[in-house]
């Protein structure tokens, strides 16, 4: 069953740095096992940044979240990290054209 990982954090950076994500870094998310897509989010008034991620299953999301928590804990420019994993209500989401039927590509060569 697909799940959504919603992660947010405060970023101590100027607006240009916060908004301009390196394209190679962004593309690296295409290699995260089980990840279908990521939407990058930012509230310019509060400096809260984060992402909304669609994972194929809870196990993939939990594995990635453990990695993400460790990475964020090591960044001096990040504080107030929060994350929640939600089950997707598949039938209702498909009725409202939710992009949850995106197939997670195989990343095996």
PDB file of N, CA and C in Angstrom:
ATOM      1  N   UNK A   1       0.848  -1.184   0.000  1.00  0.00           N
ATOM      2  CA  UNK A   1       0.000   0.000   0.000  1.00  0.00           C
ATOM      3  C   UNK A   1       0.883   1.232   0.000  1.00  0.00           C
ATOM      4  N   UNK A   2       0.591   2.199  -0.852  1.00  0.00           N
ATOM      5  CA  UNK A   2       1.404   3.416  -0.880  1.00  0.00           C
ATOM      6  C   UNK A   2       1.224   4.243   0.388  1.00  0.00           C
ATOM      7  N   UNK A   3       2.265   4.972   0.724  1.00  0.00           N
ATOM      8  CA  UNK A   3       2.251   5.864   1.882  1.00  0.00           C
ATOM      9  C   UNK A   3       2.852   7.205   1.481  1.00  0.00           C
ATOM     10  N   UNK A   4       2.471   8.212   2.244  1.00  0.00           N
ATOM     11  CA  UNK A   4       3.042   9.554   2.095  1.00  0.00           C
ATOM     12  C   UNK A   4       3.933   9.828   3.302  1.00  0.00           C
ATOM     13  N   UNK A   5       5.135  10.288   3.037  1.00  0.00           N
ATOM     14  CA  UNK A   5       6.022  10.790   4.090  1.00  0.00           C
ATOM     15  C   UNK A   5       6.024  12.306   3.961  1.00  0.00           C
ATOM     16  N   UNK A   6       5.592  12.974   5.017  1.00  0.00           N
ATOM     17  CA  UNK A   6       5.592  14.441   5.053  1.00  0.00           C
ATOM     18  C   UNK A   6       6.676  14.851   6.043  1.00  0.00           C
ATOM     19  N   UNK A   7       7.696  15.519   5.574  1.00  0.00           N
ATOM     20  CA  UNK A   7       8.821  15.936   6.415  1.00  0.00           C
ATOM     21  C   UNK A   7       9.003  17.440   6.318  1.00  0.00           C
ATOM     22  N   UNK A   8       9.239  18.088   7.466  1.00  0.00           N
ATOM     23  CA  UNK A   8       9.500  19.529   7.487  1.00  0.00           C
ATOM     24  C   UNK A   8      10.652  19.828   8.435  1.00  0.00           C
ATOM     25  N   UNK A   9      11.277  20.987   8.197  1.00  0.00           N
ATOM     26  CA  UNK A   9      12.376  21.433   9.050  1.00  0.00           C
ATOM     27  C   UNK A   9      12.571  22.921   8.845  1.00  0.00           C
ATOM     28  N   UNK A  10      13.112  23.570   9.864  1.00  0.00           N
ATOM     29  CA  UNK A  10      13.501  24.975   9.743  1.00  0.00           C
ATOM     30  C   UNK A  10      14.904  25.007   9.148  1.00  0.00           C
ATOM     31  N   UNK A  11      15.083  25.865   8.155  1.00  0.00           N
ATOM     32  CA  UNK A  11      16.372  25.985   7.491  1.00  0.00           C
ATOM     33  C   UNK A  11      16.919  27.381   7.702  1.00  0.00           C
ATOM     34  N   UNK A  12      18.102  27.456   8.290  1.00  0.00           N
ATOM     35  CA  UNK A  12      18.766  28.733   8.519  1.00  0.00           C
ATOM     36  C   UNK A  12      19.602  29.063   7.278  1.00  0.00           C
ATOM     37  N   UNK A  13      18.939  29.659   6.282  1.00  0.00           N
ATOM     38  CA  UNK A  13      19.608  29.992   5.021  1.00  0.00           C
ATOM     39  C   UNK A  13      18.874  31.158   4.384  1.00  0.00           C
ATOM     40  N   UNK A  14      19.581  31.872   3.520  1.00  0.00           N
ATOM     41  CA  UNK A  14      18.920  32.956   2.797  1.00  0.00           C
ATOM     42  C   UNK A  14      17.939  32.358   1.797  1.00  0.00           C
ATOM     43  N   UNK A  15      17.013  33.186   1.324  1.00  0.00           N
ATOM     44  CA  UNK A  15      15.943  32.718   0.438  1.00  0.00           C
ATOM     45  C   UNK A  15      16.483  32.082  -0.838  1.00  0.00           C
ATOM     46  N   UNK A  16      17.511  32.670  -1.417  1.00  0.00           N
ATOM     47  CA  UNK A  16      18.052  32.125  -2.662  1.00  0.00           C
ATOM     48  C   UNK A  16      18.589  30.713  -2.456  1.00  0.00           C
ATOM     49  N   UNK A  17      19.312  30.496  -1.373  1.00  0.00           N
ATOM     50  CA  UNK A  17      19.846  29.163  -1.076  1.00  0.00           C
ATOM     51  C   UNK A  17      18.716  28.181  -0.827  1.00  0.00           C
ATOM     52  N   UNK A  18      17.690  28.627  -0.095  1.00  0.00           N
ATOM     53  CA  UNK A  18      16.573  27.738   0.237  1.00  0.00           C
ATOM     54  C   UNK A  18      15.775  27.320  -0.992  1.00  0.00           C
ATOM     55  N   UNK A  19      15.669  28.205  -1.961  1.00  0.00           N
ATOM     56  CA  UNK A  19      14.822  27.945  -3.132  1.00  0.00           C
ATOM     57  C   UNK A  19      15.584  27.228  -4.248  1.00  0.00           C
ATOM     58  N   UNK A  20      16.840  27.546  -4.433  1.00  0.00           N
ATOM     59  CA  UNK A  20      17.600  27.016  -5.564  1.00  0.00           C
ATOM     60  C   UNK A  20      18.283  25.703  -5.202  1.00  0.00           C
ATOM     61  N   UNK A  21      17.555  24.615  -5.414  1.00  0.00           N
ATOM     62  CA  UNK A  21      18.078  23.273  -5.147  1.00  0.00           C
ATOM     63  C   UNK A  21      18.923  22.838  -6.346  1.00  0.00           C
ATOM     64  N   UNK A  22      20.104  22.327  -6.079  1.00  0.00           N
ATOM     65  CA  UNK A  22      20.972  21.835  -7.138  1.00  0.00           C
ATOM     66  C   UNK A  22      20.247  20.726  -7.912  1.00  0.00           C
ATOM     67  N   UNK A  23      20.136  20.857  -9.228  1.00  0.00           N
ATOM     68  CA  UNK A  23      19.417  19.848 -10.008  1.00  0.00           C
ATOM     69  C   UNK A  23      19.969  18.430  -9.841  1.00  0.00           C
ATOM     70  N   UNK A  24      21.282  18.288  -9.731  1.00  0.00           N
ATOM     71  CA  UNK A  24      21.854  16.953  -9.530  1.00  0.00           C
ATOM     72  C   UNK A  24      21.417  16.377  -8.187  1.00  0.00           C
ATOM     73  N   UNK A  25      21.381  17.221  -7.168  1.00  0.00           N
ATOM     74  CA  UNK A  25      20.904  16.770  -5.861  1.00  0.00           C
ATOM     75  C   UNK A  25      19.440  16.358  -5.951  1.00  0.00           C
ATOM     76  N   UNK A  26      18.623  17.175  -6.597  1.00  0.00           N
ATOM     77  CA  UNK A  26      17.202  16.841  -6.734  1.00  0.00           C
ATOM     78  C   UNK A  26      17.039  15.513  -7.473  1.00  0.00           C
ATOM     79  N   UNK A  27      17.783  15.325  -8.553  1.00  0.00           N
ATOM     80  CA  UNK A  27      17.677  14.078  -9.322  1.00  0.00           C
ATOM     81  C   UNK A  27      18.134  12.871  -8.520  1.00  0.00           C
ATOM     82  N   UNK A  28      18.992  13.065  -7.539  1.00  0.00           N
ATOM     83  CA  UNK A  28      19.463  11.931  -6.743  1.00  0.00           C
ATOM     84  C   UNK A  28      18.303  11.235  -6.021  1.00  0.00           C
ATOM     85  N   UNK A  29      17.208  11.951  -5.814  1.00  0.00           N
ATOM     86  CA  UNK A  29      16.040  11.338  -5.182  1.00  0.00           C
ATOM     87  C   UNK A  29      15.404  10.275  -6.077  1.00  0.00           C
ATOM     88  N   UNK A  30      15.695  10.304  -7.362  1.00  0.00           N
ATOM     89  CA  UNK A  30      15.188   9.271  -8.260  1.00  0.00           C
ATOM     90  C   UNK A  30      15.786   7.903  -7.951  1.00  0.00           C
ATOM     91  N   UNK A  31      16.829   7.875  -7.150  1.00  0.00           N
ATOM     92  CA  UNK A  31      17.486   6.620  -6.797  1.00  0.00           C
ATOM     93  C   UNK A  31      17.054   6.093  -5.424  1.00  0.00           C
ATOM     94  N   UNK A  32      16.189   6.789  -4.714  1.00  0.00           N
ATOM     95  CA  UNK A  32      15.746   6.343  -3.392  1.00  0.00           C
ATOM     96  C   UNK A  32      14.822   5.141  -3.578  1.00  0.00           C
ATOM     97  N   UNK A  33      15.165   3.990  -3.004  1.00  0.00           N
ATOM     98  CA  UNK A  33      14.342   2.792  -3.176  1.00  0.00           C
ATOM     99  C   UNK A  33      12.900   3.007  -2.689  1.00  0.00           C
ATOM    100  N   UNK A  34      11.960   2.660  -3.562  1.00  0.00           N
ATOM    101  CA  UNK A  34      10.552   2.738  -3.212  1.00  0.00           C
ATOM    102  C   UNK A  34       9.912   4.096  -3.386  1.00  0.00           C
ATOM    103  N   UNK A  35      10.697   5.137  -3.698  1.00  0.00           N
ATOM    104  CA  UNK A  35      10.149   6.486  -3.836  1.00  0.00           C
ATOM    105  C   UNK A  35       9.569   6.679  -5.230  1.00  0.00           C
ATOM    106  N   UNK A  36       8.296   7.064  -5.287  1.00  0.00           N
ATOM    107  CA  UNK A  36       7.658   7.356  -6.562  1.00  0.00           C
ATOM    108  C   UNK A  36       7.903   8.774  -7.002  1.00  0.00           C
ATOM    109  N   UNK A  37       7.777   9.720  -6.058  1.00  0.00           N
ATOM    110  CA  UNK A  37       8.025  11.135  -6.347  1.00  0.00           C
ATOM    111  C   UNK A  37       8.193  11.910  -5.052  1.00  0.00           C
ATOM    112  N   UNK A  38       8.727  13.109  -5.206  1.00  0.00           N
ATOM    113  CA  UNK A  38       8.868  14.043  -4.088  1.00  0.00           C
ATOM    114  C   UNK A  38       8.426  15.415  -4.567  1.00  0.00           C
ATOM    115  N   UNK A  39       7.614  16.077  -3.753  1.00  0.00           N
ATOM    116  CA  UNK A  39       7.251  17.473  -3.965  1.00  0.00           C
ATOM    117  C   UNK A  39       8.052  18.276  -2.939  1.00  0.00           C
ATOM    118  N   UNK A  40       8.805  19.254  -3.388  1.00  0.00           N
ATOM    119  CA  UNK A  40       9.634  20.098  -2.519  1.00  0.00           C
ATOM    120  C   UNK A  40       8.776  21.271  -2.054  1.00  0.00           C
ATOM    121  N   UNK A  41       8.770  21.549  -0.752  1.00  0.00           N
ATOM    122  CA  UNK A  41       7.908  22.604  -0.212  1.00  0.00           C
ATOM    123  C   UNK A  41       8.705  23.598   0.623  1.00  0.00           C
ATOM    124  N   UNK A  42       8.165  24.828   0.703  1.00  0.00           N
ATOM    125  CA  UNK A  42       8.808  25.879   1.492  1.00  0.00           C
ATOM    126  C   UNK A  42       7.782  26.940   1.850  1.00  0.00           C
ATOM    127  N   UNK A  43       7.800  27.366   3.110  1.00  0.00           N
ATOM    128  CA  UNK A  43       6.999  28.507   3.553  1.00  0.00           C
ATOM    129  C   UNK A  43       7.967  29.669   3.749  1.00  0.00           C
ATOM    130  N   UNK A  44       7.966  30.663   2.862  1.00  0.00           N
ATOM    131  CA  UNK A  44       8.949  31.745   2.955  1.00  0.00           C
ATOM    132  C   UNK A  44       8.785  32.603   4.206  1.00  0.00           C
ATOM    133  N   UNK A  45       7.616  32.636   4.790  1.00  0.00           N
ATOM    134  CA  UNK A  45       7.405  33.460   5.978  1.00  0.00           C
ATOM    135  C   UNK A  45       8.006  32.857   7.244  1.00  0.00           C
ATOM    136  N   UNK A  46       8.054  31.525   7.296  1.00  0.00           N
ATOM    137  CA  UNK A  46       8.551  30.873   8.513  1.00  0.00           C
ATOM    138  C   UNK A  46       9.892  30.180   8.326  1.00  0.00           C
ATOM    139  N   UNK A  47      10.399  30.112   7.109  1.00  0.00           N
ATOM    140  CA  UNK A  47      11.643  29.400   6.779  1.00  0.00           C
ATOM    141  C   UNK A  47      11.499  27.895   6.957  1.00  0.00           C
ATOM    142  N   UNK A  48      10.260  27.393   6.987  1.00  0.00           N
ATOM    143  CA  UNK A  48      10.035  25.950   7.046  1.00  0.00           C
ATOM    144  C   UNK A  48      10.134  25.406   5.627  1.00  0.00           C
ATOM    145  N   UNK A  49      10.924  24.362   5.480  1.00  0.00           N
ATOM    146  CA  UNK A  49      11.135  23.668   4.215  1.00  0.00           C
ATOM    147  C   UNK A  49      10.800  22.208   4.422  1.00  0.00           C
ATOM    148  N   UNK A  50      10.738  21.470   3.354  1.00  0.00           N
ATOM    149  CA  UNK A  50      10.496  20.046   3.497  1.00  0.00           C
ATOM    150  C   UNK A  50      10.067  19.398   2.213  1.00  0.00           C
ATOM    151  N   UNK A  51       9.395  18.258   2.383  1.00  0.00           N
ATOM    152  CA  UNK A  51       8.957  17.515   1.223  1.00  0.00           C
ATOM    153  C   UNK A  51       7.769  16.640   1.524  1.00  0.00           C
ATOM    154  N   UNK A  52       7.045  16.360   0.466  1.00  0.00           N
ATOM    155  CA  UNK A  52       5.964  15.390   0.501  1.00  0.00           C
ATOM    156  C   UNK A  52       6.393  14.295  -0.461  1.00  0.00           C
ATOM    157  N   UNK A  53       6.523  13.076   0.067  1.00  0.00           N
ATOM    158  CA  UNK A  53       7.085  11.971  -0.688  1.00  0.00           C
ATOM    159  C   UNK A  53       6.053  10.853  -0.816  1.00  0.00           C
ATOM    160  N   UNK A  54       5.912  10.281  -1.993  1.00  0.00           N
ATOM    161  CA  UNK A  54       5.085   9.100  -2.176  1.00  0.00           C
ATOM    162  C   UNK A  54       5.990   7.881  -2.240  1.00  0.00           C
ATOM    163  N   UNK A  55       5.766   6.950  -1.328  1.00  0.00           N
ATOM    164  CA  UNK A  55       6.512   5.688  -1.320  1.00  0.00           C
ATOM    165  C   UNK A  55       5.580   4.536  -1.662  1.00  0.00           C
ATOM    166  N   UNK A  56       6.122   3.509  -2.271  1.00  0.00           N
ATOM    167  CA  UNK A  56       5.356   2.334  -2.651  1.00  0.00           C
ATOM    168  C   UNK A  56       4.836   1.577  -1.434  1.00  0.00           C
ATOM    169  N   UNK A  57       5.573   1.664  -0.315  1.00  0.00           N
ATOM    170  CA  UNK A  57       5.183   0.910   0.870  1.00  0.00           C
ATOM    171  C   UNK A  57       5.796   1.556   2.110  1.00  0.00           C
ATOM    172  N   UNK A  58       5.262   1.186   3.258  1.00  0.00           N
ATOM    173  CA  UNK A  58       5.695   1.750   4.542  1.00  0.00           C
ATOM    174  C   UNK A  58       7.153   1.395   4.843  1.00  0.00           C
ATOM    175  N   UNK A  59       7.565   0.182   4.522  1.00  0.00           N
ATOM    176  CA  UNK A  59       8.944  -0.226   4.831  1.00  0.00           C
ATOM    177  C   UNK A  59       9.955   0.671   4.113  1.00  0.00           C
ATOM    178  N   UNK A  60       9.696   0.979   2.854  1.00  0.00           N
ATOM    179  CA  UNK A  60      10.600   1.871   2.110  1.00  0.00           C
ATOM    180  C   UNK A  60      10.634   3.252   2.733  1.00  0.00           C
ATOM    181  N   UNK A  61       9.467   3.762   3.126  1.00  0.00           N
ATOM    182  CA  UNK A  61       9.397   5.089   3.750  1.00  0.00           C
ATOM    183  C   UNK A  61      10.128   5.101   5.087  1.00  0.00           C
ATOM    184  N   UNK A  62       9.968   4.056   5.889  1.00  0.00           N
ATOM    185  CA  UNK A  62      10.634   4.006   7.188  1.00  0.00           C
ATOM    186  C   UNK A  62      12.150   3.922   7.042  1.00  0.00           C
ATOM    187  N   UNK A  63      12.611   3.161   6.060  1.00  0.00           N
ATOM    188  CA  UNK A  63      14.057   3.066   5.808  1.00  0.00           C
ATOM    189  C   UNK A  63      14.613   4.429   5.423  1.00  0.00           C
ATOM    190  N   UNK A  64      13.924   5.115   4.506  1.00  0.00           N
ATOM    191  CA  UNK A  64      14.375   6.439   4.093  1.00  0.00           C
ATOM    192  C   UNK A  64      14.304   7.435   5.238  1.00  0.00           C
ATOM    193  N   UNK A  65      13.248   7.382   6.039  1.00  0.00           N
ATOM    194  CA  UNK A  65      13.104   8.314   7.153  1.00  0.00           C
ATOM    195  C   UNK A  65      14.238   8.152   8.164  1.00  0.00           C
ATOM    196  N   UNK A  66      14.661   6.928   8.441  1.00  0.00           N
ATOM    197  CA  UNK A  66      15.789   6.720   9.360  1.00  0.00           C
ATOM    198  C   UNK A  66      17.044   7.401   8.813  1.00  0.00           C
ATOM    199  N   UNK A  67      17.291   7.250   7.513  1.00  0.00           N
ATOM    200  CA  UNK A  67      18.421   7.913   6.863  1.00  0.00           C
ATOM    201  C   UNK A  67      18.275   9.432   6.947  1.00  0.00           C
ATOM    202  N   UNK A  68      17.078   9.938   6.662  1.00  0.00           N
ATOM    203  CA  UNK A  68      16.842  11.377   6.651  1.00  0.00           C
ATOM    204  C   UNK A  68      17.028  11.983   8.038  1.00  0.00           C
ATOM    205  N   UNK A  69      16.514  11.317   9.065  1.00  0.00           N
ATOM    206  CA  UNK A  69      16.688  11.822  10.445  1.00  0.00           C
ATOM    207  C   UNK A  69      18.170  11.975  10.782  1.00  0.00           C
ATOM    208  N   UNK A  70      18.950  10.972  10.430  1.00  0.00           N
ATOM    209  CA  UNK A  70      20.391  11.009  10.713  1.00  0.00           C
ATOM    210  C   UNK A  70      21.068  12.152   9.949  1.00  0.00           C
ATOM    211  N   UNK A  71      20.714  12.293   8.686  1.00  0.00           N
ATOM    212  CA  UNK A  71      21.313  13.358   7.870  1.00  0.00           C
ATOM    213  C   UNK A  71      20.943  14.741   8.404  1.00  0.00           C
ATOM    214  N   UNK A  72      19.692  14.949   8.754  1.00  0.00           N
ATOM    215  CA  UNK A  72      19.257  16.252   9.253  1.00  0.00           C
ATOM    216  C   UNK A  72      19.876  16.563  10.617  1.00  0.00           C
ATOM    217  N   UNK A  73      20.056  15.558  11.444  1.00  0.00           N
ATOM    218  CA  UNK A  73      20.665  15.763  12.759  1.00  0.00           C
ATOM    219  C   UNK A  73      22.104  16.261  12.640  1.00  0.00           C
ATOM    220  N   UNK A  74      22.764  15.945  11.528  1.00  0.00           N
ATOM    221  CA  UNK A  74      24.143  16.359  11.323  1.00  0.00           C
ATOM    222  C   UNK A  74      24.302  17.711  10.646  1.00  0.00           C
ATOM    223  N   UNK A  75      23.209  18.379  10.366  1.00  0.00           N
ATOM    224  CA  UNK A  75      23.291  19.670   9.671  1.00  0.00           C
ATOM    225  C   UNK A  75      23.086  20.820  10.650  1.00  0.00           C
ATOM    226  N   UNK A  76      24.074  21.692  10.802  1.00  0.00           N
ATOM    227  CA  UNK A  76      23.928  22.815  11.737  1.00  0.00           C
ATOM    228  C   UNK A  76      22.917  23.867  11.282  1.00  0.00           C
ATOM    229  N   UNK A  77      22.560  23.859   9.992  1.00  0.00           N
ATOM    230  CA  UNK A  77      21.605  24.845   9.472  1.00  0.00           C
ATOM    231  C   UNK A  77      20.150  24.356   9.535  1.00  0.00           C
ATOM    232  N   UNK A  78      19.925  23.176  10.120  1.00  0.00           N
ATOM    233  CA  UNK A  78      18.591  22.581  10.210  1.00  0.00           C
ATOM    234  C   UNK A  78      18.184  22.425  11.665  1.00  0.00           C
ATOM    235  N   UNK A  79      16.920  22.788  11.958  1.00  0.00           N
ATOM    236  CA  UNK A  79      16.352  22.559  13.290  1.00  0.00           C
ATOM    237  C   UNK A  79      14.880  22.189  13.129  1.00  0.00           C
ATOM    238  N   UNK A  80      14.287  21.783  14.219  1.00  0.00           N
ATOM    239  CA  UNK A  80      12.848  21.479  14.255  1.00  0.00           C
ATOM    240  C   UNK A  80      12.422  20.493  13.177  1.00  0.00           C
ATOM    241  N   UNK A  81      13.184  19.414  13.027  1.00  0.00           N
ATOM    242  CA  UNK A  81      12.831  18.394  12.052  1.00  0.00           C
ATOM    243  C   UNK A  81      11.626  17.595  12.548  1.00  0.00           C
ATOM    244  N   UNK A  82      10.626  17.452  11.706  1.00  0.00           N
ATOM    245  CA  UNK A  82       9.432  16.657  12.010  1.00  0.00           C
ATOM    246  C   UNK A  82       9.080  15.834  10.792  1.00  0.00           C
ATOM    247  N   UNK A  83       8.584  14.619  11.027  1.00  0.00           N
ATOM    248  CA  UNK A  83       8.169  13.777   9.914  1.00  0.00           C
ATOM    249  C   UNK A  83       7.076  12.826  10.364  1.00  0.00           C
ATOM    250  N   UNK A  84       6.144  12.578   9.458  1.00  0.00           N
ATOM    251  CA  UNK A  84       5.053  11.646   9.711  1.00  0.00           C
ATOM    252  C   UNK A  84       4.816  10.841   8.448  1.00  0.00           C
ATOM    253  N   UNK A  85       4.535   9.561   8.632  1.00  0.00           N
ATOM    254  CA  UNK A  85       4.179   8.685   7.523  1.00  0.00           C
ATOM    255  C   UNK A  85       2.676   8.419   7.619  1.00  0.00           C
ATOM    256  N   UNK A  86       1.993   8.618   6.497  1.00  0.00           N
ATOM    257  CA  UNK A  86       0.547   8.434   6.428  1.00  0.00           C
ATOM    258  C   UNK A  86       0.202   7.337   5.419  1.00  0.00           C
ATOM    259  N   UNK A  87      -0.755   6.479   5.750  1.00  0.00           N
ATOM    260  CA  UNK A  87      -1.300   5.564   4.759  1.00  0.00           C
ATOM    261  C   UNK A  87      -2.097   6.371   3.746  1.00  0.00           C
ATOM    262  N   UNK A  88      -2.050   5.963   2.494  1.00  0.00           N
ATOM    263  CA  UNK A  88      -2.835   6.613   1.446  1.00  0.00           C
ATOM    264  C   UNK A  88      -4.191   5.912   1.356  1.00  0.00           C
ATOM    265  N   UNK A  89      -5.242   6.687   1.346  1.00  0.00           N
ATOM    266  CA  UNK A  89      -6.582   6.154   1.109  1.00  0.00           C
ATOM    267  C   UNK A  89      -6.730   6.029  -0.409  1.00  0.00           C
ATOM    268  N   UNK A  90      -6.381   4.855  -0.916  1.00  0.00           N
ATOM    269  CA  UNK A  90      -6.212   4.645  -2.349  1.00  0.00           C
ATOM    270  C   UNK A  90      -7.490   4.933  -3.138  1.00  0.00           C
ATOM    271  N   UNK A  91      -8.593   4.302  -2.796  1.00  0.00           N
ATOM    272  CA  UNK A  91      -9.819   4.437  -3.594  1.00  0.00           C
ATOM    273  C   UNK A  91     -10.270   5.895  -3.676  1.00  0.00           C
ATOM    274  N   UNK A  92     -10.329   6.576  -2.546  1.00  0.00           N
ATOM    275  CA  UNK A  92     -10.765   7.971  -2.543  1.00  0.00           C
ATOM    276  C   UNK A  92      -9.781   8.857  -3.290  1.00  0.00           C
ATOM    277  N   UNK A  93      -8.485   8.594  -3.138  1.00  0.00           N
ATOM    278  CA  UNK A  93      -7.476   9.406  -3.831  1.00  0.00           C
ATOM    279  C   UNK A  93      -7.570   9.254  -5.340  1.00  0.00           C
ATOM    280  N   UNK A  94      -7.842   8.051  -5.809  1.00  0.00           N
ATOM    281  CA  UNK A  94      -8.000   7.850  -7.254  1.00  0.00           C
ATOM    282  C   UNK A  94      -9.246   8.564  -7.774  1.00  0.00           C
ATOM    283  N   UNK A  95     -10.303   8.615  -6.973  1.00  0.00           N
ATOM    284  CA  UNK A  95     -11.526   9.319  -7.381  1.00  0.00           C
ATOM    285  C   UNK A  95     -11.283  10.818  -7.559  1.00  0.00           C
ATOM    286  N   UNK A  96     -10.327  11.369  -6.829  1.00  0.00           N
ATOM    287  CA  UNK A  96     -10.033  12.807  -6.922  1.00  0.00           C
ATOM    288  C   UNK A  96      -8.756  13.071  -7.717  1.00  0.00           C
ATOM    289  N   UNK A  97      -8.360  12.095  -8.527  1.00  0.00           N
ATOM    290  CA  UNK A  97      -7.206  12.201  -9.429  1.00  0.00           C
ATOM    291  C   UNK A  97      -5.877  12.345  -8.688  1.00  0.00           C
ATOM    292  N   UNK A  98      -5.802  11.834  -7.458  1.00  0.00           N
ATOM    293  CA  UNK A  98      -4.535  11.847  -6.721  1.00  0.00           C
ATOM    294  C   UNK A  98      -3.486  11.039  -7.469  1.00  0.00           C
ATOM    295  N   UNK A  99      -2.277  11.543  -7.599  1.00  0.00           N
ATOM    296  CA  UNK A  99      -1.243  10.867  -8.393  1.00  0.00           C
ATOM    297  C   UNK A  99      -0.588   9.720  -7.639  1.00  0.00           C
ATOM    298  N   UNK A 100      -1.403   8.802  -7.144  1.00  0.00           N
ATOM    299  CA  UNK A 100      -0.860   7.700  -6.353  1.00  0.00           C
ATOM    300  C   UNK A 100      -0.698   6.429  -7.143  1.00  0.00           C
ATOM    301  N   UNK A 101      -1.174   6.420  -8.396  1.00  0.00           N
ATOM    302  CA  UNK A 101      -1.013   5.237  -9.210  1.00  0.00           C
ATOM    303  C   UNK A 101       0.283   5.266 -10.004  1.00  0.00           C
ATOM    304  N   UNK A 102       1.151   6.214  -9.666  1.00  0.00           N
ATOM    305  CA  UNK A 102       2.457   6.292 -10.309  1.00  0.00           C
ATOM    306  C   UNK A 102       3.247   5.058  -9.928  1.00  0.00           C
ATOM    307  N   UNK A 103       3.751   4.396 -10.936  1.00  0.00           N
ATOM    308  CA  UNK A 103       4.529   3.188 -10.668  1.00  0.00           C
ATOM    309  C   UNK A 103       5.945   3.581 -10.274  1.00  0.00           C
ATOM    310  N   UNK A 104       6.435   2.937  -9.252  1.00  0.00           N
ATOM    311  CA  UNK A 104       7.806   3.175  -8.814  1.00  0.00           C
ATOM    312  C   UNK A 104       8.707   2.383  -9.750  1.00  0.00           C
ATOM    313  N   UNK A 105       9.573   3.067 -10.503  1.00  0.00           N
ATOM    314  CA  UNK A 105      10.419   2.345 -11.457  1.00  0.00           C
ATOM    315  C   UNK A 105      11.409   1.443 -10.750  1.00  0.00           C
ATOM    316  N   UNK A 106      11.714   0.358 -11.388  1.00  0.00           N
ATOM    317  CA  UNK A 106      12.742  -0.537 -10.868  1.00  0.00           C
ATOM    318  C   UNK A 106      14.080   0.173 -10.976  1.00  0.00           C
ATOM    319  N   UNK A 107      14.842   0.159  -9.924  1.00  0.00           N
ATOM    320  CA  UNK A 107      16.142   0.835  -9.929  1.00  0.00           C
ATOM    321  C   UNK A 107      17.294  -0.163 -10.013  1.00  0.00           C
ATOM    322  N   UNK A 108      16.945  -1.385 -10.343  1.00  0.00           N
ATOM    323  CA  UNK A 108      17.971  -2.414 -10.502  1.00  0.00           C
ATOM    324  C   UNK A 108      18.481  -2.377 -11.928  1.00  0.00           C
ATOM    325  N   UNK A 109      19.767  -2.522 -12.100  1.00  0.00           N
ATOM    326  CA  UNK A 109      20.356  -2.463 -13.446  1.00  0.00           C
ATOM    327  C   UNK A 109      20.395  -3.840 -14.068  1.00  0.00           C
TER     328      UNK A 109
END
